[in-house]
Protein backbone atom coordinates (compact mmCIF):
# COMPACT_ATOMS: atom_id res chain seq x y z
CA UNK A 1 139.21 81.92 89.94
CA UNK A 2 140.09 80.64 93.42
CA UNK A 3 143.75 79.56 93.48
CA UNK A 4 144.44 75.81 93.58
CA UNK A 5 148.12 75.97 92.60
CA UNK A 6 149.28 74.33 95.82
CA UNK A 7 147.22 71.26 94.90
CA UNK A 8 148.47 70.90 91.31
CA UNK A 9 150.26 67.62 92.05
CA UNK A 10 147.12 65.85 93.26
CA UNK A 11 144.78 63.64 91.27
CA UNK A 12 141.11 64.70 91.05
CA UNK A 13 140.18 61.84 93.40
CA UNK A 14 142.51 63.33 96.02
CA UNK A 15 140.70 66.68 96.07
CA UNK A 16 137.80 67.60 98.32
CA UNK A 17 134.31 67.86 96.85
CA UNK A 18 134.51 71.64 96.81
CA UNK A 19 137.91 71.61 95.12
CA UNK A 20 136.65 69.18 92.48
CA UNK A 21 133.73 71.51 91.79
CA UNK A 22 136.09 74.43 91.20
CA UNK A 23 138.34 72.38 88.90
CA UNK A 24 135.30 71.26 86.91
CA UNK A 25 134.20 74.88 86.51
CA UNK A 26 137.66 75.91 85.30
CA UNK A 27 137.69 73.03 82.79
CA UNK A 28 134.31 74.07 81.44
CA UNK A 29 135.36 77.68 80.95
CA UNK A 30 138.86 77.20 79.49
CA UNK A 31 137.44 76.23 76.07
CA UNK A 32 135.43 79.49 75.93
CA UNK A 33 132.10 77.92 74.91
CA UNK A 34 129.13 80.04 73.85
CA UNK A 35 126.86 78.33 76.39
CA UNK A 36 127.78 76.96 79.84
CA UNK A 37 125.33 74.82 81.87
CA UNK A 38 126.06 75.07 85.59
CA UNK A 39 123.99 72.50 87.51
CA UNK A 40 124.31 73.54 91.18
CA UNK A 41 128.12 73.94 90.90
CA UNK A 42 128.48 75.50 94.37
CA UNK A 43 126.53 72.93 96.36
CA UNK A 44 129.63 71.31 97.91
CA UNK A 45 131.20 74.56 99.12
CA UNK A 46 131.03 76.05 102.59
CA UNK A 47 129.09 79.28 103.09
CA UNK A 48 132.00 81.77 102.86
CA UNK A 49 133.59 80.12 99.82
CA UNK A 50 130.18 79.78 98.20
CA UNK A 51 129.60 83.52 98.52
CA UNK A 52 133.06 84.26 97.08
CA UNK A 53 132.43 81.96 94.13
CA UNK A 54 129.04 83.54 93.45
CA UNK A 55 130.74 86.90 92.97
CA UNK A 56 133.53 85.30 90.90
CA UNK A 57 131.03 83.57 88.59
CA UNK A 58 129.15 86.85 88.18
CA UNK A 59 132.42 88.58 87.26
CA UNK A 60 133.37 85.82 84.80
CA UNK A 61 129.94 86.02 83.17
CA UNK A 62 130.38 89.76 82.69
CA UNK A 63 133.96 89.63 81.35
CA UNK A 64 133.85 86.46 79.21
CA UNK A 65 130.63 87.23 77.38
CA UNK A 66 129.33 83.66 77.63
CA UNK A 67 125.75 82.64 78.30
CA UNK A 68 125.48 80.89 81.65
CA UNK A 69 122.47 78.68 82.45
CA UNK A 70 122.70 78.30 86.23
CA UNK A 71 120.49 75.70 87.95
CA UNK A 72 120.00 76.17 91.69
CA UNK A 73 117.54 75.52 94.51
CA UNK A 74 119.05 78.40 96.48
CA UNK A 75 116.76 81.41 95.99
CA UNK A 76 119.32 83.93 97.25
CA UNK A 77 121.91 82.49 94.88
CA UNK A 78 119.50 82.89 91.96
CA UNK A 79 118.78 86.52 92.91
CA UNK A 80 122.51 87.27 93.31
CA UNK A 81 123.76 85.75 90.07
CA UNK A 82 121.02 86.17 87.51
CA UNK A 83 120.14 88.72 84.88
CA UNK A 84 117.01 86.69 84.14
CA UNK A 85 115.34 83.99 86.23
CA UNK A 86 113.03 81.15 85.21
CA UNK A 87 111.07 79.63 88.12
CA UNK A 88 109.93 76.02 87.62
CA UNK A 89 107.47 73.91 89.60
CA UNK A 90 106.77 70.32 88.62
CA UNK A 91 108.60 70.85 85.33
CA UNK A 92 106.36 73.78 84.34
CA UNK A 93 107.47 77.40 84.04
CA UNK A 94 105.76 79.58 86.65
CA UNK A 95 107.38 82.92 85.85
CA UNK A 96 110.19 84.46 83.82
CA UNK A 97 111.69 87.84 84.65
CA UNK A 98 114.49 89.86 86.17
CA UNK A 99 115.45 89.17 89.80
CA UNK A 100 113.57 92.32 90.83
CA UNK A 101 110.41 91.27 88.95
CA UNK A 102 110.49 87.73 90.32
CA UNK A 103 110.91 88.96 93.88
CA UNK A 104 108.65 92.01 93.94
CA UNK A 105 105.94 91.05 91.39
CA UNK A 106 105.22 87.31 91.79
CA UNK A 107 102.64 85.87 89.40
CA UNK A 108 101.30 83.21 91.74
CA UNK A 109 101.46 81.65 95.19
CA UNK A 110 104.33 79.32 94.34
CA UNK A 111 106.66 82.07 93.12
CA UNK A 112 105.75 84.36 96.03
CA UNK A 113 106.37 81.61 98.57
CA UNK A 114 109.49 80.18 96.94
CA UNK A 115 111.64 83.23 96.23
CA UNK A 116 112.86 84.94 99.41
CA UNK A 117 111.09 85.60 102.70
CA UNK A 118 107.71 87.27 102.61
CA UNK A 119 104.40 87.60 104.41
CA UNK A 120 101.55 86.38 102.22
CA UNK A 121 97.89 86.06 103.16
CA UNK A 122 94.35 86.42 101.85
CA UNK A 123 92.64 89.83 101.95
CA UNK A 124 89.55 91.44 100.40
CA UNK A 125 89.88 93.97 97.59
CA UNK A 126 88.01 97.24 98.12
CA UNK A 127 89.08 99.40 95.19
CA UNK A 128 91.40 98.76 92.26
CA UNK A 129 93.06 101.15 89.84
CA UNK A 130 95.52 100.38 87.03
CA UNK A 131 98.57 99.64 89.21
CA UNK A 132 97.32 100.24 92.74
CA UNK A 133 94.57 98.86 94.98
CA UNK A 134 93.00 99.21 98.42
CA UNK A 135 92.62 96.08 100.54
CA UNK A 136 91.02 95.10 103.83
CA UNK A 137 92.92 92.71 106.10
CA UNK A 138 91.27 90.16 108.40
CA UNK A 139 91.88 92.46 111.38
CA UNK A 140 90.03 95.33 109.69
CA UNK A 141 93.06 97.38 108.63
CA UNK A 142 92.81 99.02 105.21
CA UNK A 143 96.08 99.11 103.27
CA UNK A 144 97.22 100.00 99.78
CA UNK A 145 99.43 97.89 97.53
CA UNK A 146 100.84 97.70 94.04
CA UNK A 147 99.09 95.35 91.62
CA UNK A 148 99.71 94.16 88.09
CA UNK A 149 96.56 95.35 86.36
CA UNK A 150 93.07 95.75 87.82
CA UNK A 151 91.74 93.48 90.55
CA UNK A 152 88.04 92.59 90.73
CA UNK A 153 86.17 94.53 93.47
CA UNK A 154 85.27 92.41 96.52
CA UNK A 155 87.58 89.63 95.32
CA UNK A 156 89.71 87.64 97.75
CA UNK A 157 93.29 88.28 96.68
CA UNK A 158 96.79 87.44 97.82
CA UNK A 159 98.59 90.23 99.65
CA UNK A 160 102.41 90.12 99.91
CA UNK A 161 104.67 92.34 102.02
CA UNK A 162 108.38 91.75 102.51
CA UNK A 163 109.87 91.52 106.04
CA UNK A 164 112.70 93.96 105.30
CA UNK A 165 110.14 96.59 104.20
CA UNK A 166 108.43 96.69 107.60
CA UNK A 167 109.52 98.99 110.42
CA UNK A 168 108.34 100.64 113.61
CA UNK A 169 109.28 104.24 112.89
CA UNK A 170 106.62 106.82 112.13
CA UNK A 171 107.35 108.21 108.65
CA UNK A 172 105.10 110.23 106.37
CA UNK A 173 105.62 107.99 103.31
CA UNK A 174 104.44 104.87 105.19
CA UNK A 175 100.62 105.03 105.29
CA UNK A 176 100.11 101.27 105.72
CA UNK A 177 99.93 100.20 109.37
CA UNK A 178 99.47 96.82 111.06
CA UNK A 179 98.73 96.28 114.75
CA UNK A 180 100.65 93.31 116.13
CA UNK A 181 101.85 91.68 119.33
CA UNK A 182 105.51 90.60 119.41
CA UNK A 183 105.92 86.85 119.96
CA UNK A 184 109.57 86.09 119.21
CA UNK A 185 112.86 87.90 118.57
CA UNK A 186 115.98 86.33 117.02
CA UNK A 187 119.22 88.34 117.00
CA UNK A 188 121.29 87.89 113.79
CA UNK A 189 124.13 90.43 114.21
CA UNK A 190 123.22 93.01 111.53
CA UNK A 191 119.45 92.61 111.99
CA UNK A 192 116.79 90.97 114.13
CA UNK A 193 114.02 88.65 112.95
CA UNK A 194 110.80 89.46 114.74
CA UNK A 195 107.62 87.39 114.65
CA UNK A 196 104.37 89.12 115.58
CA UNK A 197 100.66 88.21 115.64
CA UNK A 198 98.31 90.51 113.74
CA UNK A 199 94.84 91.36 115.04
CA UNK A 200 93.32 88.97 112.51
CA UNK A 201 95.37 86.10 113.93
CA UNK A 202 97.95 85.83 111.14
CA UNK A 203 101.67 85.70 111.91
CA UNK A 204 103.94 88.36 110.41
CA UNK A 205 107.71 88.18 109.95
CA UNK A 206 109.64 91.46 110.33
CA UNK A 207 113.34 92.17 109.72
CA UNK A 208 114.58 95.19 111.67
CA UNK A 209 118.00 96.83 112.15
CA UNK A 210 119.84 95.41 115.14
CA UNK A 211 119.66 98.79 116.91
CA UNK A 212 115.85 98.45 117.07
CA UNK A 213 116.15 95.50 119.44
CA UNK A 214 115.10 97.56 122.47
CA UNK A 215 111.91 98.70 120.68
CA UNK A 216 110.38 95.24 120.38
CA UNK A 217 110.36 93.30 123.68
CA UNK A 218 108.34 90.08 123.58
CA UNK A 219 104.72 90.70 124.51
CA UNK A 220 104.66 94.36 123.48
CA UNK A 221 101.89 95.57 121.19
CA UNK A 222 103.31 97.63 118.34
CA UNK A 223 102.26 99.44 115.18
CA UNK A 224 104.13 98.16 112.14
CA UNK A 225 104.44 100.43 109.10
CA UNK A 226 105.34 100.12 105.42
CA UNK A 227 104.99 101.94 102.12
CA UNK A 228 102.46 101.13 99.40
CA UNK A 229 105.22 100.32 96.90
CA UNK A 230 106.60 97.66 99.27
CA UNK A 231 103.35 95.66 99.12
CA UNK A 232 101.99 93.66 96.20
CA UNK A 233 98.59 92.08 95.52
CA UNK A 234 97.50 89.57 92.89
CA UNK A 235 94.47 87.40 92.21
CA UNK A 236 95.07 83.71 92.80
CA UNK A 237 92.76 80.66 92.72
CA UNK A 238 91.94 79.39 96.20
């Protein structure tokens, strides 16, 4: 745990909110319970300390053998800490699964839009197999995506592709292509967030390595690529 020895002479009321949170966590764990409920325990911490504590809680969970029920509104925190995630909306369970399943195989619009960044829009199904389908976008592009079971032919379905899966480099294993015009670029040290407009009028978010900055000046028309396995489609009520 994060050291608080220098503050041992203080009363709880004399500690900061973040320090009180850490003391409360230590008090909960010292009795070695079978089940620990953590209701947003890191909400009062600054970003760096929050990230440190996430890793510490994950380590404690692994070494102590306790069951942790961790409640959070922070999607990245849920993906970082969890072995299994339950997504709620309005008090009802929307999906249960591993972090990878929740992120890459959402069951509905809410889960897809709530967990992480993604591009999600309506498309038309052309052909569906057991775990793969062909889709037509509003701009006329035909792409392939993973799907969980068969999709009805000619159905309007939700298509999801993740920003970090998109790139501008021509690679043989990336048959899906999107034509877009670059509208905005935000530099974030290790990567850039790029917003582009597809031919069909929809906006697309792209996360690229920082070294690709020179490839995407605002106003340039580009061809964006991704792999079939980095796209997902599911039927959803309109």
